[in-house]
Protein backbone atom coordinates (compact mmCIF):
# COMPACT_ATOMS: atom_id res chain seq x y z
CA MET A 1 18.74 -66.15 -30.76
CA ILE A 2 18.79 -66.68 -34.52
CA LYS A 3 20.16 -69.38 -36.80
CA PHE A 4 20.69 -69.72 -40.56
CA GLU A 5 20.82 -73.17 -42.19
CA THR A 6 20.24 -74.71 -45.61
CA ILE A 7 17.42 -77.11 -46.47
CA ASN A 8 17.88 -79.45 -49.45
CA GLU A 9 20.72 -77.20 -50.71
CA LEU A 10 18.24 -74.81 -52.34
CA THR A 11 16.47 -73.12 -49.42
CA LEU A 12 17.52 -70.95 -46.49
CA LYS A 13 15.82 -71.71 -43.18
CA VAL A 14 15.91 -68.97 -40.54
CA THR A 15 15.02 -70.01 -37.00
CA THR A 16 14.49 -67.43 -34.28
CA THR A 17 13.52 -67.86 -30.64
CA GLY A 18 12.82 -64.21 -29.82
CA ASN A 19 12.86 -60.75 -31.33
CA ASP A 20 15.28 -60.27 -34.20
CA VAL A 21 15.79 -58.63 -37.59
CA ILE A 22 17.20 -59.91 -40.87
CA PHE A 23 17.55 -58.41 -44.33
CA THR A 24 16.74 -60.44 -47.44
CA LYS A 25 16.67 -60.00 -51.18
CA THR A 26 13.19 -58.68 -51.99
CA GLY A 27 10.85 -61.49 -53.05
CA ALA A 28 12.99 -64.27 -51.56
CA PHE A 29 10.45 -65.30 -48.87
CA ILE A 30 8.67 -68.58 -49.72
CA ALA A 31 7.14 -69.84 -46.44
CA GLY A 32 6.84 -69.35 -42.69
CA ASP A 33 5.86 -71.39 -39.63
CA CYS A 34 5.00 -70.11 -36.14
CA SER A 35 2.50 -70.82 -33.37
CA GLY A 36 -0.58 -68.60 -33.17
CA ASN A 37 -0.79 -65.52 -35.37
CA THR A 38 2.00 -64.63 -37.78
CA ASN A 39 4.70 -62.99 -35.68
CA TYR A 40 6.98 -61.69 -38.44
CA ARG A 41 6.47 -58.79 -40.81
CA PHE A 42 8.08 -57.44 -43.96
CA GLU A 43 9.14 -53.90 -44.77
CA LYS A 44 10.77 -52.64 -47.96
CA VAL A 45 14.16 -51.01 -47.35
CA LEU A 46 13.99 -47.64 -49.12
CA LEU A 47 17.62 -46.49 -48.76
CA GLY A 48 19.71 -49.11 -46.99
CA PRO A 49 19.99 -51.28 -43.88
CA GLN A 50 22.23 -48.79 -42.07
CA LYS A 51 20.70 -47.36 -38.89
CA SER A 52 21.84 -43.80 -39.65
CA LEU A 53 19.74 -41.99 -42.26
CA ALA A 54 22.79 -40.18 -43.65
CA GLN A 55 24.76 -43.42 -43.97
CA ALA A 56 21.77 -45.16 -45.58
CA ALA A 57 21.39 -42.37 -48.15
CA LEU A 58 25.11 -42.37 -48.96
CA GLY A 59 25.08 -46.17 -49.20
CA SER A 60 22.12 -46.07 -51.57
CA LEU A 61 23.96 -43.62 -53.84
CA MET A 62 27.10 -45.78 -53.79
CA ARG A 63 25.14 -48.90 -54.73
CA ARG A 64 23.50 -47.18 -57.67
CA VAL A 65 26.77 -45.71 -58.95
CA THR A 66 28.65 -49.01 -58.70
CA GLY A 67 25.89 -51.30 -59.93
CA GLU A 68 25.80 -53.12 -56.58
CA ASN A 69 22.22 -52.05 -55.93
CA ILE A 70 19.67 -54.75 -55.06
CA PRO A 71 16.22 -54.32 -53.51
CA LEU A 72 16.24 -55.40 -49.86
CA THR A 73 13.44 -56.33 -47.47
CA LYS A 74 13.63 -55.99 -43.70
CA VAL A 75 12.07 -58.94 -41.84
CA THR A 76 11.20 -58.29 -38.19
CA MET A 77 10.57 -61.35 -36.02
CA ASN A 78 8.58 -60.97 -32.79
CA GLY A 79 8.82 -64.40 -31.19
CA PRO A 80 9.71 -67.98 -32.11
CA SER A 81 9.36 -68.70 -35.82
CA GLU A 82 10.80 -70.48 -38.82
CA THR A 83 10.90 -68.69 -42.16
CA TYR A 84 12.20 -69.92 -45.52
CA TYR A 85 13.86 -68.09 -48.43
CA ALA A 86 15.01 -69.07 -51.92
CA GLU A 87 15.77 -67.60 -55.32
CA SER A 88 15.08 -69.37 -58.63
CA ALA A 89 16.10 -72.80 -57.27
CA GLN A 90 19.70 -71.64 -56.89
CA HIS A 91 21.99 -73.29 -54.37
CA VAL A 92 22.22 -71.63 -50.96
CA LEU A 93 25.42 -71.33 -48.94
CA VAL A 94 25.37 -70.16 -45.31
CA TYR A 95 28.37 -68.61 -43.59
CA LYS A 96 28.77 -67.35 -40.02
CA LEU A 97 31.39 -64.63 -39.70
CA GLU A 98 34.09 -64.95 -37.05
CA PRO A 99 35.34 -61.96 -34.97
CA GLY A 100 37.13 -59.47 -37.21
CA GLU A 101 36.01 -61.24 -40.38
CA THR A 102 34.56 -59.64 -43.51
CA ILE A 103 32.82 -61.24 -46.47
CA SER A 104 32.82 -59.51 -49.87
CA VAL A 105 30.02 -60.71 -52.14
CA GLU A 106 28.55 -59.86 -55.52
CA SER A 107 25.24 -58.12 -54.82
CA GLU A 108 23.23 -60.41 -57.11
CA ASN A 109 24.43 -63.40 -55.08
CA LEU A 110 23.41 -62.00 -51.69
CA LEU A 111 20.27 -63.71 -50.34
CA ALA A 112 20.08 -62.66 -46.67
CA PHE A 113 22.05 -61.43 -43.68
CA THR A 114 21.46 -60.67 -40.01
CA GLN A 115 21.59 -57.29 -38.29
CA ASP A 116 24.91 -58.31 -36.68
CA CYS A 117 26.54 -57.61 -40.05
CA LYS A 118 27.70 -54.13 -41.07
CA TYR A 119 26.64 -53.61 -44.70
CA SER A 120 28.57 -51.41 -47.15
CA VAL A 121 29.83 -51.11 -50.75
CA ARG A 122 33.53 -50.77 -51.58
CA PHE A 123 35.56 -50.12 -54.76
CA ILE A 124 38.13 -52.82 -55.46
CA GLY A 125 39.39 -51.98 -58.95
CA VAL A 126 41.37 -49.08 -60.40
CA GLY A 127 41.55 -48.54 -64.16
CA VAL A 128 39.16 -51.39 -64.86
CA LEU A 129 35.64 -50.91 -66.17
CA SER A 130 33.28 -53.64 -65.18
CA GLN A 131 29.62 -54.48 -64.99
CA LYS A 132 30.67 -56.81 -62.18
CA GLY A 133 34.10 -56.58 -60.64
CA LEU A 134 34.83 -52.88 -60.02
CA ALA A 135 32.96 -52.78 -56.70
CA THR A 136 31.72 -55.28 -54.18
CA THR A 137 29.22 -55.49 -51.34
CA THR A 138 30.85 -56.13 -47.97
CA LEU A 139 29.47 -57.47 -44.70
CA THR A 140 31.56 -57.24 -41.53
CA ARG A 141 30.80 -58.95 -38.24
CA THR A 142 29.60 -56.60 -35.51
CA GLY A 143 27.95 -59.15 -33.20
CA SER A 144 27.86 -62.83 -32.28
CA GLU A 145 25.07 -63.77 -34.71
CA ALA A 146 26.59 -62.50 -37.95
CA TYR A 147 25.08 -64.88 -40.53
CA VAL A 148 25.24 -64.39 -44.30
CA ALA A 149 23.44 -66.47 -46.94
CA VAL A 150 24.53 -66.37 -50.59
CA ILE A 151 23.15 -68.04 -53.70
CA THR A 152 25.13 -69.78 -56.43
CA ASP A 153 24.32 -71.09 -59.89
CA GLY A 154 25.15 -74.74 -59.20
CA ASN A 155 27.10 -76.34 -56.36
CA PRO A 156 29.83 -73.91 -55.20
CA ILE A 157 33.55 -74.60 -54.99
CA ALA A 158 35.65 -73.27 -52.09
CA LEU A 159 39.36 -72.42 -52.54
CA SER A 160 41.47 -71.42 -49.53
CA ASN A 161 45.11 -70.49 -49.07
CA VAL A 162 44.88 -70.07 -45.28
CA GLN A 163 47.02 -73.18 -44.71
CA SER A 164 48.82 -73.57 -48.04
CA HIS A 165 49.69 -69.87 -48.67
CA ASN A 166 49.23 -70.60 -52.39
CA THR A 167 48.18 -68.06 -55.00
CA ILE A 168 44.48 -68.27 -55.89
CA SER A 169 43.44 -67.07 -59.35
CA VAL A 170 39.81 -67.01 -60.47
CA ASP A 171 37.61 -65.69 -63.26
CA PRO A 172 35.82 -62.55 -61.94
CA ASP A 173 32.58 -63.68 -63.60
CA ALA A 174 32.58 -66.92 -61.59
CA VAL A 175 33.32 -65.36 -58.19
CA ILE A 176 30.53 -65.41 -55.62
CA CYS A 177 32.36 -64.06 -52.58
CA TRP A 178 35.56 -64.14 -50.55
CA MET A 179 36.15 -63.88 -46.82
CA GLY A 180 38.98 -63.26 -44.40
CA ASN A 181 40.23 -60.85 -41.76
CA GLY A 182 39.68 -57.38 -43.20
CA ALA A 183 38.94 -56.58 -46.83
CA CYS A 184 41.29 -59.18 -48.45
CA ASP A 185 40.76 -57.54 -51.83
CA PRO A 186 42.25 -59.30 -54.87
CA ARG A 187 44.63 -57.93 -57.46
CA ILE A 188 42.98 -57.49 -60.85
CA THR A 189 45.42 -58.90 -63.40
CA THR A 190 45.18 -58.55 -67.16
CA ASP A 191 46.76 -60.33 -70.10
CA VAL A 192 46.02 -57.90 -72.91
CA ASN A 193 48.30 -58.00 -75.97
CA TRP A 194 48.15 -57.45 -79.71
CA LYS A 195 46.02 -60.57 -80.19
CA THR A 196 43.30 -58.97 -78.10
CA PHE A 197 42.84 -56.20 -80.65
CA ILE A 198 42.47 -58.53 -83.65
CA GLY A 199 39.87 -60.70 -81.98
CA GLN A 200 42.25 -63.52 -81.02
CA ALA A 201 42.14 -63.18 -77.23
CA SER A 202 42.37 -66.36 -75.19
CA GLY A 203 39.06 -65.69 -73.49
CA GLU A 204 40.82 -65.69 -70.10
CA SER A 205 42.42 -62.24 -70.23
CA TYR A 206 41.35 -61.06 -66.78
CA SER A 207 41.49 -62.59 -63.33
CA PHE A 208 41.29 -61.92 -59.63
CA GLU A 209 44.41 -63.02 -57.75
CA TRP A 210 45.10 -63.48 -54.05
CA HIS A 211 48.72 -64.21 -53.14
CA GLY A 212 49.83 -66.29 -50.18
CA GLY A 213 50.41 -63.24 -48.02
CA ILE A 214 46.66 -62.61 -47.94
CA PRO A 215 44.88 -65.52 -46.17
CA VAL A 216 41.49 -65.83 -47.84
CA THR A 217 38.73 -68.28 -48.73
CA VAL A 218 37.11 -67.76 -52.14
CA ILE A 219 33.75 -69.20 -53.23
CA ILE A 220 33.16 -69.68 -56.96
CA GLN A 221 30.25 -71.08 -58.96
CA PRO A 222 30.46 -73.50 -61.91
CA SER A 223 29.10 -70.91 -64.35
CA GLU A 224 30.02 -67.42 -65.51
CA ARG A 225 27.98 -64.24 -65.57
CA SER A 226 27.46 -62.47 -68.88
CA GLY A 227 29.05 -59.06 -69.30
CA GLY A 228 32.63 -59.70 -68.19
CA ILE A 229 35.23 -57.06 -67.46
CA ARG A 230 37.34 -54.99 -69.77
CA VAL A 231 40.33 -52.70 -69.47
CA ALA A 232 40.03 -48.96 -69.93
CA ILE A 233 42.27 -48.04 -72.88
CA ASP A 234 43.15 -44.33 -73.15
């Protein structure tokens, strides 16, 4: 059995009572606690967390092409232990996936996940060039202990239209992740006009939108990444 939880908002605590495996962002480990000798070990993931070598190699290529590539470490637990993970004092958010649920997350915001999550990279934009926004890392539940931990720059905000069926619109550079049944990919909307080409753009020309027909929960952070997205003009 394994459990993810947050400690003081800034640290992920992973508790295991037996043999288990998790994947973390390389360098995120900060401490561990177990009886007797250390019963967990670390191994750099060379290609990807997929069990099939061919799938891992293809996944590695996809991550490099899309910019969703992050170094991962495999942590193997062999008995009861508590281990702790953090990244630059950023806030940690833990989510446990329900049956049939998928979480799509920016790779730089992914801190850790359990082996009960299927890991992949997926394109979400067509005709849009983006340092962040064209592709996303996805984790889909495959077992009962499908935990995911993400990091945010500041306390996160959650927006959901599951009950309201409202339209959710967010800045792509503030998005951390979104989750729902299936992919739940957003529409990429643009507001490019003549003002854009004379340097008078509003500064909010691009957005991700989820309409009420797509039940989704979106997590955003109170800061924006540098880089942004831009439209491909032929």
